[in-house]
């Protein structure tokens, strides 16, 4: 997708601007394009200040400045415009865009960002009117060209519309004797210079706290834009949201549950993972209505009448026996069921258990609606031979289940996401990224001797906690109680040479305020953090996964996808000397 500046439509943007913003943000295959939205022009050539609705810079082709309008009707007579139901109906839209073009171009010339040969085209885009009103050909006269007008029909093809305007502009003005037009003058370097010149006055942060706050606000706005997916499938009885980690599935699940509870519908929001359930509960706490948020394990324990009694290590008991007891409890106590809306996040965790699916359906009212969200690749603790297609499983039970694929990453820095894919050696399935391309991010693999694990872990934690704070860092491992951090916290590791590092790690990881959280990849699968450290990566860990028929690469995928900006993988390797001695 193009680089969108800002990354989300500005607050207060009107309907026509939002339509165009979404259209440009949806462009695929033109990552070198830059699209500015609502660019303020304080160095205006003819008035105190102005604004350009959109400025699109296309390397090797030119720049298009766009005025977006959504009138109910347009009347053009004797050179005068009348746009019904816009704030200033008699204002000439081409004069508006001309002022913006002249101001931007003259400013960039003074700043040395352009040479003056780059094409600068203009476009008035009527997003509420169709081209069909003119029998296939829009009007034109001496003051404007037909190709300088775009219509509602063109929203579906923004790439072609922009390139058509630039082609027509260059074709006409290349014949003008006193106009020098050179599309190739707009090199990628010139586009970058334009970007720096147009945004440098206001794209800065006073300190790290301001930067963090701005990033959080941006993340909230980006996720909020994902709500359009709920609108698209509204009215369907059962919907399955499928997408890679970081595409906003959990956000959509929570929003679906919140909207249902607001309508007074008895709603259940659930998942399998206990940690994830607590996060869903916190996210849904903004609504006060008939909503229950609980992990499926404890929910089944409750309806089975086993509160305070069921603590089993045997996963088979949770997958088989507990669901049987829960179904019996629901038959004996119908009041526990009757949910009119059921939302299941991380559905892939339970898709392979027919008995648990029976419980989910038994909890529902006969007229209930369902929302499921999942990612088949995150079945990390299920044997490879037992993995299922979560959507196909539920589709066989609910023939009217609608599949909604979401593929844009809303969580991670694009740089981090691409580096993660390099580490994994596989694509994650994203079609684009909602965070700006210049958002800081990185991932690295540190290969270290086992004897230096504690030292390197402490150093990595200090570095990341200094930037992101203790609560912004998570340490994940394929192990649970056997993990490096678990053993350090339990006092099972004693290394005189690293005693200071051991004490520091004990004091700075845990569940307390300001501490970095830690745990197994499976146990913390639902979390997200600014930075993630993955420990206990080794040939032994890979062999363990293989011996249990688990997909090692997917375990690593889940761990890396928790990070928003930074990921560090600590891989233990044998020292050459010790390996030779062992041989």
Protein backbone atom coordinates (compact mmCIF):
# COMPACT_ATOMS: atom_id res chain seq x y z
CA UNK A 1 0.00 0.00 0.00
CA UNK A 2 1.15 3.62 -0.41
CA UNK A 3 2.68 5.48 2.48
CA UNK A 4 -0.29 7.29 4.02
CA UNK A 5 0.44 10.58 5.82
CA UNK A 6 -1.12 10.60 8.35
CA UNK A 7 -1.67 6.84 8.70
CA UNK A 8 -5.37 7.28 9.51
CA UNK A 9 -8.01 9.65 8.20
CA UNK A 10 -8.00 12.84 10.25
CA UNK A 11 -10.63 13.36 12.91
CA UNK A 12 -13.57 15.24 11.44
CA UNK A 13 -12.86 14.20 7.85
CA UNK A 14 -16.05 14.37 5.79
CA UNK A 15 -17.58 11.45 3.93
CA UNK A 16 -15.92 12.16 0.59
CA UNK A 17 -12.46 12.39 2.18
CA UNK A 18 -12.96 9.14 4.08
CA UNK A 19 -14.01 7.33 0.91
CA UNK A 20 -10.89 8.51 -0.90
CA UNK A 21 -8.62 7.80 2.08
CA UNK A 22 -9.86 4.20 2.21
CA UNK A 23 -9.49 3.88 -1.56
CA UNK A 24 -5.88 5.06 -1.52
CA UNK A 25 -5.04 2.97 1.57
CA UNK A 26 -6.37 -0.06 -0.29
CA UNK A 27 -4.00 0.28 -3.23
CA UNK A 28 -1.80 -2.82 -3.56
CA UNK A 29 1.61 -2.97 -5.23
CA UNK A 30 2.59 0.71 -5.07
CA UNK A 31 4.53 0.98 -1.82
CA UNK A 32 6.63 3.81 -3.30
CA UNK A 33 3.61 6.12 -3.62
CA UNK A 34 3.07 8.76 -0.94
CA UNK A 35 -0.44 10.05 -0.17
CA UNK A 36 -1.00 13.09 2.05
CA UNK A 37 -4.43 13.65 3.53
CA UNK A 38 -5.68 17.03 4.74
CA UNK A 39 -2.35 18.78 4.21
CA UNK A 40 -2.45 22.19 5.96
CA UNK A 41 -1.01 25.05 3.86
CA UNK A 42 -0.03 27.97 6.00
CA UNK A 43 2.37 29.42 3.43
CA UNK A 44 -0.47 30.00 0.98
CA UNK A 45 0.18 32.19 -2.05
CA UNK A 46 -3.19 33.99 -2.00
CA UNK A 47 -4.74 33.80 1.48
CA UNK A 48 -3.95 33.36 5.14
CA UNK A 49 -4.08 29.58 5.04
CA UNK A 50 -5.56 26.68 3.10
CA UNK A 51 -5.67 22.95 2.87
CA UNK A 52 -5.17 20.26 0.25
CA UNK A 53 -7.58 17.36 0.69
CA UNK A 54 -5.11 14.93 -0.90
CA UNK A 55 -1.68 15.13 -2.48
CA UNK A 56 -0.48 12.01 -4.28
CA UNK A 57 3.20 11.72 -5.25
CA UNK A 58 4.03 9.00 -7.79
CA UNK A 59 7.75 8.43 -8.49
CA UNK A 60 8.59 8.71 -12.17
CA UNK A 61 5.17 10.13 -13.03
CA UNK A 62 4.29 13.27 -11.07
CA UNK A 63 2.14 14.81 -8.33
CA UNK A 64 -1.67 15.11 -8.23
CA UNK A 65 -3.38 17.58 -5.89
CA UNK A 66 -7.00 16.61 -5.22
CA UNK A 67 -10.04 18.55 -4.03
CA UNK A 68 -12.72 16.12 -2.76
CA UNK A 69 -16.39 17.09 -2.93
CA UNK A 70 -19.65 15.26 -2.19
CA UNK A 71 -22.45 17.56 -3.45
CA UNK A 72 -26.01 16.43 -4.03
CA UNK A 73 -25.87 18.11 -7.42
CA UNK A 74 -23.53 20.28 -9.51
CA UNK A 75 -24.52 23.15 -11.74
CA UNK A 76 -21.95 24.83 -14.02
CA UNK A 77 -23.25 27.79 -16.02
CA UNK A 78 -21.46 30.80 -17.56
CA UNK A 79 -18.24 29.77 -15.88
CA UNK A 80 -19.82 29.73 -12.40
CA UNK A 81 -20.12 26.67 -10.19
CA UNK A 82 -22.92 25.79 -7.80
CA UNK A 83 -22.44 22.68 -5.63
CA UNK A 84 -25.61 21.86 -3.73
CA UNK A 85 -25.28 20.88 -0.05
CA UNK A 86 -21.62 21.72 0.49
CA UNK A 87 -20.44 24.38 3.00
CA UNK A 88 -19.65 27.04 0.35
CA UNK A 89 -21.75 26.04 -2.68
CA UNK A 90 -20.64 28.86 -5.00
CA UNK A 91 -16.90 28.38 -4.50
CA UNK A 92 -15.09 27.30 -7.66
CA UNK A 93 -13.46 23.92 -6.79
CA UNK A 94 -10.74 24.47 -9.40
CA UNK A 95 -9.74 27.78 -7.82
CA UNK A 96 -9.41 25.93 -4.52
CA UNK A 97 -7.16 23.27 -5.97
CA UNK A 98 -5.20 25.85 -8.02
CA UNK A 99 -4.36 27.74 -4.82
CA UNK A 100 -3.16 24.52 -3.22
CA UNK A 101 -1.09 23.50 -6.28
CA UNK A 102 0.57 26.90 -6.55
CA UNK A 103 1.33 27.11 -2.84
CA UNK A 104 2.75 23.60 -2.56
CA UNK A 105 4.81 23.88 -5.73
CA UNK A 106 6.31 27.27 -4.89
CA UNK A 107 7.14 26.14 -1.35
CA UNK A 108 8.87 22.97 -2.61
CA UNK A 109 10.82 25.02 -5.15
CA UNK A 110 12.08 27.36 -2.41
CA UNK A 111 13.05 24.38 -0.26
CA UNK A 112 14.96 22.78 -3.13
CA UNK A 113 12.84 19.64 -2.96
CA UNK A 114 11.89 19.81 -6.66
CA UNK A 115 13.44 21.19 -9.84
CA UNK A 116 10.27 22.69 -11.32
CA UNK A 117 10.07 20.18 -14.17
CA UNK A 118 8.00 17.66 -12.21
CA UNK A 119 4.35 17.38 -13.38
CA UNK A 120 1.86 18.91 -10.91
CA UNK A 121 -1.65 17.97 -11.99
CA UNK A 122 -4.96 18.89 -10.36
CA UNK A 123 -8.11 16.85 -9.86
CA UNK A 124 -11.59 17.62 -8.55
CA UNK A 125 -13.20 14.39 -7.30
CA UNK A 126 -17.01 14.31 -6.94
CA UNK A 127 -17.42 11.21 -4.77
CA UNK A 128 -21.22 11.41 -4.67
CA UNK A 129 -21.94 11.68 -8.40
CA UNK A 130 -21.55 9.09 -11.14
CA UNK A 131 -20.02 9.55 -14.57
CA UNK A 132 -23.19 8.07 -16.09
CA UNK A 133 -24.92 11.45 -15.62
CA UNK A 134 -22.96 12.63 -18.65
CA UNK A 135 -23.47 9.65 -20.96
CA UNK A 136 -19.88 8.53 -20.47
CA UNK A 137 -18.20 11.89 -21.04
CA UNK A 138 -17.82 14.54 -18.36
CA UNK A 139 -18.02 18.26 -19.24
CA UNK A 140 -15.05 20.48 -20.05
CA UNK A 141 -14.42 23.99 -21.35
CA UNK A 142 -11.54 26.43 -21.72
CA UNK A 143 -10.96 26.59 -17.95
CA UNK A 144 -10.64 22.87 -17.22
CA UNK A 145 -10.20 19.50 -18.90
CA UNK A 146 -12.60 16.58 -18.77
CA UNK A 147 -9.83 14.40 -17.28
CA UNK A 148 -9.46 16.82 -14.36
CA UNK A 149 -12.78 15.55 -12.98
CA UNK A 150 -13.22 12.21 -11.21
CA UNK A 151 -16.46 10.59 -10.05
CA UNK A 152 -17.93 8.05 -7.67
CA UNK A 153 -17.30 5.35 -10.26
CA UNK A 154 -13.56 6.03 -10.01
CA UNK A 155 -13.31 5.31 -6.26
CA UNK A 156 -13.06 1.60 -7.09
CA UNK A 157 -9.99 2.24 -9.28
CA UNK A 158 -7.83 4.90 -7.59
CA UNK A 159 -4.57 3.73 -9.18
CA UNK A 160 -5.89 3.99 -12.72
CA UNK A 161 -7.52 7.36 -11.97
CA UNK A 162 -4.30 8.97 -10.70
CA UNK A 163 -2.16 7.55 -13.52
CA UNK A 164 -4.74 8.66 -16.12
CA UNK A 165 -4.65 12.25 -14.84
CA UNK A 166 -0.84 12.32 -14.94
CA UNK A 167 -0.73 10.77 -18.42
CA UNK A 168 -3.21 13.31 -19.79
CA UNK A 169 -1.43 16.19 -18.06
CA UNK A 170 1.93 15.22 -19.53
CA UNK A 171 0.48 14.53 -22.97
CA UNK A 172 -1.08 18.02 -23.13
CA UNK A 173 1.65 20.12 -21.55
CA UNK A 174 4.50 18.37 -23.33
CA UNK A 175 3.19 20.15 -26.44
CA UNK A 176 3.16 23.57 -24.75
CA UNK A 177 6.11 25.64 -25.96
CA UNK A 178 6.74 27.48 -22.68
CA UNK A 179 6.09 24.58 -20.29
CA UNK A 180 8.79 22.06 -19.44
CA UNK A 181 7.39 18.78 -18.12
CA UNK A 182 9.64 15.88 -17.21
CA UNK A 183 7.98 12.99 -15.30
CA UNK A 184 11.32 11.25 -14.73
CA UNK A 185 12.44 14.29 -12.70
CA UNK A 186 10.27 13.05 -9.84
CA UNK A 187 12.74 10.41 -8.68
CA UNK A 188 12.22 8.39 -5.48
CA UNK A 189 14.80 10.69 -3.90
CA UNK A 190 12.72 13.72 -4.89
CA UNK A 191 9.60 12.11 -3.41
CA UNK A 192 11.48 11.59 -0.15
CA UNK A 193 12.65 15.21 -0.24
CA UNK A 194 9.05 16.33 -0.76
CA UNK A 195 7.97 14.20 2.19
CA UNK A 196 10.56 15.73 4.49
CA UNK A 197 9.78 19.27 3.33
CA UNK A 198 6.00 18.96 3.75
CA UNK A 199 5.92 17.18 7.09
CA UNK A 200 8.98 18.24 9.03
CA UNK A 201 7.27 21.22 10.70
CA UNK A 202 4.86 19.04 12.61
CA UNK A 203 6.06 15.42 12.59
CA UNK A 204 8.12 15.54 15.78
CA UNK A 205 7.79 14.49 19.39
CA UNK A 206 8.84 16.37 22.49
CA UNK A 207 10.00 13.22 24.31
CA UNK A 208 9.59 9.45 24.52
CA UNK A 209 6.35 9.74 26.49
CA UNK A 210 4.80 11.94 23.79
CA UNK A 211 5.94 9.46 21.15
CA UNK A 212 4.44 6.54 23.06
CA UNK A 213 1.15 8.36 23.61
CA UNK A 214 0.93 9.28 19.94
CA UNK A 215 1.67 5.69 18.93
CA UNK A 216 -1.07 4.41 21.23
CA UNK A 217 -3.59 6.89 19.84
CA UNK A 218 -2.62 5.90 16.31
CA UNK A 219 -3.05 2.19 17.12
CA UNK A 220 -6.51 2.85 18.58
CA UNK A 221 -7.52 4.81 15.47
CA UNK A 222 -6.20 2.12 13.12
CA UNK A 223 -8.09 -0.63 14.93
CA UNK A 224 -11.23 1.49 15.00
CA UNK A 225 -11.12 1.65 11.20
CA UNK A 226 -11.28 -2.16 11.13
CA UNK A 227 -14.88 -1.89 12.33
CA UNK A 228 -15.93 -1.57 8.70
CA UNK A 229 -15.51 -5.36 8.55
CA UNK A 230 -18.35 -5.74 11.05
CA UNK A 231 -20.55 -3.48 8.96
CA UNK A 232 -19.88 -5.54 5.84
CA UNK A 233 -21.09 -8.78 7.43
CA UNK A 234 -23.85 -7.25 9.55
CA UNK A 235 -27.10 -9.17 9.20
CA UNK A 236 -25.49 -12.60 8.84
CA UNK A 237 -26.34 -15.13 11.54
CA UNK A 238 -22.84 -16.58 11.78
CA UNK A 239 -19.53 -15.02 10.73
CA UNK A 240 -15.95 -16.30 10.81
CA UNK A 241 -13.11 -13.74 10.76
CA UNK A 242 -9.96 -15.36 9.42
CA UNK A 243 -6.59 -13.63 9.34
CA UNK A 244 -2.92 -13.77 10.38
CA UNK A 245 -1.80 -12.55 13.79
CA UNK A 246 -2.00 -8.77 14.13
CA UNK A 247 -4.88 -8.12 11.74
CA UNK A 248 -7.32 -7.04 14.45
CA UNK A 249 -9.41 -10.20 14.87
CA UNK A 250 -9.63 -9.88 18.66
CA UNK A 251 -10.62 -6.23 18.33
CA UNK A 252 -13.45 -7.20 15.98
CA UNK A 253 -14.55 -9.95 18.35
CA UNK A 254 -14.70 -7.53 21.28
CA UNK A 255 -16.52 -4.89 19.25
CA UNK A 256 -19.07 -7.43 18.03
CA UNK A 257 -19.74 -8.45 21.64
CA UNK A 258 -19.95 -4.83 22.84
CA UNK A 259 -22.41 -3.85 20.11
CA UNK A 260 -24.54 -6.88 20.93
CA UNK A 261 -24.60 -6.08 24.66
CA UNK A 262 -25.48 -2.45 23.93
CA UNK A 263 -28.61 -3.68 22.17
CA UNK A 264 -29.59 -5.54 25.34
CA UNK A 265 -28.77 -8.95 23.85
CA UNK A 266 -27.54 -11.58 26.30
CA UNK A 267 -23.97 -12.04 25.07
CA UNK A 268 -21.09 -14.44 25.72
CA UNK A 269 -17.53 -13.42 24.80
CA UNK A 270 -15.13 -16.31 25.27
CA UNK A 271 -11.90 -18.03 24.25
CA UNK A 272 -9.78 -20.96 25.46
CA UNK A 273 -6.69 -19.12 26.74
CA UNK A 274 -7.01 -17.83 30.32
CA UNK A 275 -4.67 -14.86 29.82
CA UNK A 276 -6.48 -13.88 26.64
CA UNK A 277 -9.83 -14.05 28.44
CA UNK A 278 -8.63 -11.54 31.03
CA UNK A 279 -7.62 -9.17 28.24
CA UNK A 280 -10.98 -9.59 26.51
CA UNK A 281 -12.68 -8.86 29.83
CA UNK A 282 -10.72 -5.63 30.25
CA UNK A 283 -11.46 -4.54 26.68
CA UNK A 284 -15.18 -5.24 27.06
CA UNK A 285 -15.45 -3.50 30.43
CA UNK A 286 -16.46 -0.25 28.68
CA UNK A 287 -19.99 -1.56 28.25
CA UNK A 288 -22.48 -2.21 31.03
CA UNK A 289 -24.95 -4.71 29.71
CA UNK A 290 -25.92 -8.39 29.67
CA UNK A 291 -22.43 -9.66 28.75
CA UNK A 292 -20.37 -12.49 30.22
CA UNK A 293 -16.63 -12.67 29.44
CA UNK A 294 -14.99 -15.92 30.54
CA UNK A 295 -12.54 -18.53 29.27
CA UNK A 296 -14.21 -21.72 28.08
CA UNK A 297 -12.43 -23.93 30.60
CA UNK A 298 -13.69 -22.09 33.67
CA UNK A 299 -17.11 -21.63 32.04
CA UNK A 300 -17.47 -25.38 31.56
CA UNK A 301 -16.27 -26.00 35.12
CA UNK A 302 -18.97 -23.61 36.35
CA UNK A 303 -21.90 -25.04 34.39
CA UNK A 304 -20.76 -28.57 35.33
CA UNK A 305 -21.02 -27.58 39.00
CA UNK A 306 -17.32 -28.21 39.68
CA UNK A 307 -16.29 -24.75 40.90
CA UNK A 308 -13.25 -25.03 43.16
CA UNK A 309 -12.78 -28.72 42.39
CA UNK A 310 -11.45 -29.00 38.85
CA UNK A 311 -7.70 -28.58 38.59
CA UNK A 312 -6.36 -31.19 36.21
CA UNK A 313 -3.08 -31.45 34.35
CA UNK A 314 -4.52 -33.90 31.82
CA UNK A 315 -5.53 -31.96 28.71
CA UNK A 316 -7.71 -34.87 27.57
CA UNK A 317 -9.91 -34.33 30.62
CA UNK A 318 -10.53 -30.72 29.54
CA UNK A 319 -11.14 -31.72 25.93
CA UNK A 320 -13.38 -34.76 26.54
CA UNK A 321 -14.62 -35.36 30.10
CA UNK A 322 -15.23 -31.75 31.16
CA UNK A 323 -17.32 -30.92 28.04
CA UNK A 324 -19.41 -34.05 28.74
CA UNK A 325 -20.01 -32.89 32.31
CA UNK A 326 -20.77 -29.35 31.09
CA UNK A 327 -23.39 -30.62 28.63
CA UNK A 328 -25.02 -32.56 31.45
CA UNK A 329 -24.98 -29.42 33.61
CA UNK A 330 -26.65 -27.40 30.85
CA UNK A 331 -29.40 -29.99 30.56
CA UNK A 332 -29.99 -29.84 34.31
CA UNK A 333 -29.71 -26.05 34.54
CA UNK A 334 -31.08 -24.43 31.34
CA UNK A 335 -30.61 -20.97 32.87
CA UNK A 336 -26.88 -21.31 32.23
CA UNK A 337 -27.55 -21.31 28.47
CA UNK A 338 -29.80 -19.18 26.28
CA UNK A 339 -27.18 -16.71 25.01
CA UNK A 340 -28.56 -14.75 22.04
CA UNK A 341 -25.07 -13.82 20.83
CA UNK A 342 -21.87 -15.87 21.20
CA UNK A 343 -18.45 -14.53 20.23
CA UNK A 344 -15.46 -16.90 20.29
CA UNK A 345 -11.97 -15.48 19.87
CA UNK A 346 -8.90 -17.61 19.05
CA UNK A 347 -11.35 -20.20 17.74
CA UNK A 348 -8.56 -22.37 16.31
CA UNK A 349 -7.72 -23.43 19.90
CA UNK A 350 -10.99 -25.37 20.23
CA UNK A 351 -11.88 -26.18 16.62
CA UNK A 352 -10.38 -29.67 16.94
CA UNK A 353 -12.60 -30.69 19.87
CA UNK A 354 -16.06 -31.75 18.75
CA UNK A 355 -17.25 -31.96 22.37
CA UNK A 356 -16.27 -28.36 23.15
CA UNK A 357 -18.04 -27.22 19.98
CA UNK A 358 -21.12 -29.09 21.23
CA UNK A 359 -20.91 -27.05 24.45
CA UNK A 360 -20.63 -23.76 22.53
CA UNK A 361 -23.74 -24.56 20.53
CA UNK A 362 -25.60 -25.80 23.63
CA UNK A 363 -24.95 -22.44 25.32
CA UNK A 364 -26.83 -20.65 22.54
CA UNK A 365 -30.44 -19.68 22.16
CA UNK A 366 -32.08 -21.23 19.11
CA UNK A 367 -32.07 -17.81 17.40
CA UNK A 368 -28.53 -16.88 18.47
CA UNK A 369 -25.97 -15.17 16.31
CA UNK A 370 -22.31 -16.25 16.27
CA UNK A 371 -18.98 -14.56 15.60
CA UNK A 372 -15.79 -16.63 15.44
CA UNK A 373 -12.24 -15.33 14.96
CA UNK A 374 -9.19 -17.45 14.32
CA UNK A 375 -5.90 -18.18 12.61
CA UNK A 376 -5.26 -21.81 11.66
CA UNK A 377 -1.51 -21.31 11.95
CA UNK A 378 -1.80 -20.61 15.68
CA UNK A 379 -2.77 -24.19 16.59
CA UNK A 380 0.66 -24.36 18.20
CA UNK A 381 -0.03 -26.94 20.91
CA UNK A 382 -1.95 -29.35 18.69
CA UNK A 383 -0.11 -32.14 16.97
CA UNK A 384 0.41 -31.47 13.29
CA UNK A 385 -1.51 -34.61 12.37
CA UNK A 386 -4.47 -33.40 14.45
CA UNK A 387 -4.66 -29.87 13.09
CA UNK A 388 -7.91 -28.83 11.46
CA UNK A 389 -9.25 -26.08 9.24
CA UNK A 390 -11.19 -24.07 11.86
CA UNK A 391 -13.52 -22.42 9.37
CA UNK A 392 -14.28 -25.69 7.56
CA UNK A 393 -15.05 -27.40 10.87
CA UNK A 394 -17.63 -24.80 11.85
CA UNK A 395 -18.98 -24.48 8.31
CA UNK A 396 -19.89 -28.19 8.44
CA UNK A 397 -21.95 -27.43 11.56
CA UNK A 398 -23.36 -24.10 10.40
CA UNK A 399 -23.90 -24.12 6.62
CA UNK A 400 -24.81 -20.41 6.66
CA UNK A 401 -21.45 -19.45 8.25
CA UNK A 402 -19.93 -16.51 6.32
CA UNK A 403 -16.15 -16.29 5.86
CA UNK A 404 -14.60 -12.81 6.20
CA UNK A 405 -10.87 -12.66 5.48
CA UNK A 406 -8.86 -9.80 6.96
CA UNK A 407 -5.27 -9.49 5.84
CA UNK A 408 -3.92 -6.04 6.77
CA UNK A 409 -1.53 -5.94 9.69
CA UNK A 410 -2.72 -3.41 12.27
CA UNK A 411 -0.30 -4.25 15.08
CA UNK A 412 3.27 -4.29 13.86
CA UNK A 413 5.75 -1.89 12.38
CA UNK A 414 6.04 -2.92 8.71
CA UNK A 415 9.82 -3.13 9.14
CA UNK A 416 9.46 -5.54 12.05
CA UNK A 417 6.86 -7.64 10.22
CA UNK A 418 9.12 -8.04 7.18
CA UNK A 419 12.13 -8.94 9.35
CA UNK A 420 10.03 -11.51 11.20
CA UNK A 421 9.14 -13.10 7.88
CA UNK A 422 12.85 -13.27 7.01
CA UNK A 423 13.56 -15.02 10.33
CA UNK A 424 10.70 -17.48 9.78
CA UNK A 425 11.54 -18.00 6.12
CA UNK A 426 7.84 -17.86 5.26
CA UNK A 427 5.25 -15.25 4.39
CA UNK A 428 2.63 -14.43 7.00
CA UNK A 429 -0.11 -13.64 4.50
CA UNK A 430 -0.44 -9.88 4.94
CA UNK A 431 -1.70 -7.82 2.00
CA UNK A 432 -0.55 -4.55 3.58
CA UNK A 433 0.20 -2.65 6.75
CA UNK A 434 -1.80 0.05 8.50
CA UNK A 435 1.11 1.56 10.44
CA UNK A 436 3.27 3.98 8.40
CA UNK A 437 6.19 2.45 6.56
CA UNK A 438 8.66 4.60 8.48
CA UNK A 439 7.46 3.36 11.90
CA UNK A 440 10.60 2.22 13.76
CA UNK A 441 10.91 -1.52 14.07
CA UNK A 442 13.43 -4.34 13.93
CA UNK A 443 13.98 -8.02 14.67
CA UNK A 444 17.21 -9.90 15.27
CA UNK A 445 18.50 -13.34 16.17
CA UNK A 446 21.37 -13.43 18.68
CA UNK A 447 23.26 -16.74 18.61
CA UNK A 448 24.96 -17.16 21.96
CA UNK A 449 26.75 -19.90 23.93
CA UNK A 450 24.62 -21.41 26.69
CA UNK A 451 27.01 -20.04 29.31
CA UNK A 452 26.15 -16.48 28.24
CA UNK A 453 22.34 -16.82 28.19
CA UNK A 454 21.77 -15.00 31.49
CA UNK A 455 24.14 -12.17 30.62
CA UNK A 456 22.66 -11.59 27.15
CA UNK A 457 19.08 -11.87 28.43
CA UNK A 458 19.78 -9.26 31.12
CA UNK A 459 21.43 -6.95 28.60
CA UNK A 460 18.56 -7.28 26.11
CA UNK A 461 15.97 -6.68 28.83
CA UNK A 462 17.76 -3.56 30.10
CA UNK A 463 17.98 -2.11 26.61
CA UNK A 464 14.33 -2.73 25.74
CA UNK A 465 12.92 -1.74 29.13
CA UNK A 466 14.81 1.55 28.95
CA UNK A 467 12.95 2.39 25.74
CA UNK A 468 9.56 0.76 26.25
CA UNK A 469 9.25 0.48 30.03
CA UNK A 470 8.87 -2.73 31.99
CA UNK A 471 5.24 -3.27 31.04
CA UNK A 472 6.12 -2.84 27.35
CA UNK A 473 8.37 -5.93 27.21
CA UNK A 474 7.46 -9.63 27.29
CA UNK A 475 9.79 -12.65 27.53
CA UNK A 476 8.40 -15.76 25.83
CA UNK A 477 9.64 -19.33 25.69
CA UNK A 478 8.46 -22.59 24.12
CA UNK A 479 8.70 -24.00 27.68
CA UNK A 480 6.63 -23.25 30.75
CA UNK A 481 8.27 -23.98 34.11
CA UNK A 482 11.39 -25.20 32.28
CA UNK A 483 12.05 -21.85 30.64
CA UNK A 484 15.19 -19.86 31.39
CA UNK A 485 13.29 -17.06 33.12
CA UNK A 486 11.07 -19.44 35.12
CA UNK A 487 14.16 -21.20 36.44
CA UNK A 488 15.82 -17.88 37.28
CA UNK A 489 12.75 -16.64 39.17
CA UNK A 490 12.48 -20.00 41.00
CA UNK A 491 16.15 -19.76 42.05
CA UNK A 492 17.10 -22.89 40.12
CA UNK A 493 19.98 -21.24 38.29
CA UNK A 494 23.14 -20.36 40.19
CA UNK A 495 25.92 -18.70 38.24
CA UNK A 496 28.49 -16.86 40.40
CA UNK A 497 29.81 -15.00 37.36
CA UNK A 498 26.33 -13.67 36.55
CA UNK A 499 24.92 -13.25 40.06
CA UNK A 500 24.25 -9.51 39.56
CA UNK A 501 22.36 -10.24 36.32
CA UNK A 502 20.36 -12.97 38.03
CA UNK A 503 19.31 -10.63 40.83
CA UNK A 504 18.40 -7.91 38.32
CA UNK A 505 16.25 -10.30 36.24
CA UNK A 506 14.46 -11.57 39.36
CA UNK A 507 13.64 -7.99 40.34
CA UNK A 508 12.45 -6.89 36.90
CA UNK A 509 10.36 -9.76 35.50
CA UNK A 510 7.10 -10.98 36.97
CA UNK A 511 3.52 -9.87 37.37
CA UNK A 512 4.14 -6.67 39.34
CA UNK A 513 3.73 -3.11 38.15
CA UNK A 514 6.65 -2.00 36.00
CA UNK A 515 7.89 -5.56 35.53
CA UNK A 516 8.24 -7.37 32.23
CA UNK A 517 5.83 -10.25 31.87
CA UNK A 518 7.07 -13.73 31.04
CA UNK A 519 5.64 -17.13 30.23
CA UNK A 520 5.22 -19.81 27.60
CA UNK A 521 4.33 -18.95 24.03
CA UNK A 522 1.14 -21.00 24.30
CA UNK A 523 0.18 -19.50 27.64
CA UNK A 524 0.64 -15.89 26.51
CA UNK A 525 -0.60 -16.38 22.97
CA UNK A 526 -3.17 -13.61 23.23
CA UNK A 527 -0.90 -10.82 24.44
CA UNK A 528 0.83 -8.03 22.58
CA UNK A 529 3.82 -5.98 23.69
CA UNK A 530 5.99 -3.21 22.32
CA UNK A 531 8.96 -5.57 22.44
CA UNK A 532 9.34 -9.35 22.77
CA UNK A 533 12.34 -11.48 23.71
CA UNK A 534 12.15 -15.16 22.75
CA UNK A 535 14.37 -17.41 24.85
CA UNK A 536 15.22 -21.13 24.90
CA UNK A 537 15.54 -21.36 21.13
CA UNK A 538 17.91 -24.22 20.37
CA UNK A 539 18.35 -27.45 18.43
CA UNK A 540 17.02 -29.21 21.54
CA UNK A 541 13.83 -27.15 21.47
CA UNK A 542 13.33 -27.91 17.80
CA UNK A 543 13.89 -31.62 18.46
CA UNK A 544 11.34 -31.49 21.29
CA UNK A 545 8.76 -29.92 18.97
CA UNK A 546 9.47 -32.49 16.28
CA UNK A 547 9.20 -35.38 18.75
CA UNK A 548 5.76 -34.11 19.80
CA UNK A 549 4.66 -33.53 16.18
CA UNK A 550 4.41 -29.78 16.78
CA UNK A 551 5.24 -27.20 14.09
CA UNK A 552 8.27 -25.36 15.47
CA UNK A 553 8.07 -22.55 12.93
CA UNK A 554 4.50 -21.78 13.96
CA UNK A 555 5.53 -21.57 17.63
CA UNK A 556 8.12 -18.98 16.62
CA UNK A 557 5.55 -17.23 14.42
CA UNK A 558 3.17 -16.82 17.36
CA UNK A 559 5.97 -15.49 19.60
CA UNK A 560 7.28 -12.97 17.07
CA UNK A 561 3.79 -11.79 16.16
CA UNK A 562 3.23 -10.60 19.75
CA UNK A 563 5.73 -7.75 19.24
CA UNK A 564 4.70 -4.37 17.86
CA UNK A 565 8.11 -2.74 17.34
CA UNK A 566 11.03 -4.93 18.45
CA UNK A 567 11.75 -8.66 18.60
CA UNK A 568 14.90 -10.37 19.85
CA UNK A 569 15.44 -14.13 19.52
CA UNK A 570 18.07 -15.60 21.85
CA UNK A 571 19.29 -18.83 20.25
CA UNK A 572 21.57 -21.04 22.31
CA UNK A 573 24.45 -22.68 20.45
CA UNK A 574 27.21 -24.98 21.56
CA UNK A 575 30.66 -23.45 21.71
CA UNK A 576 33.06 -24.93 19.17
CA UNK A 577 35.51 -25.97 21.86
CA UNK A 578 32.94 -27.80 23.99
CA UNK A 579 31.42 -29.47 20.95
CA UNK A 580 34.84 -30.74 19.87
CA UNK A 581 35.56 -32.02 23.38
CA UNK A 582 32.25 -33.85 23.45
CA UNK A 583 33.09 -35.48 20.15
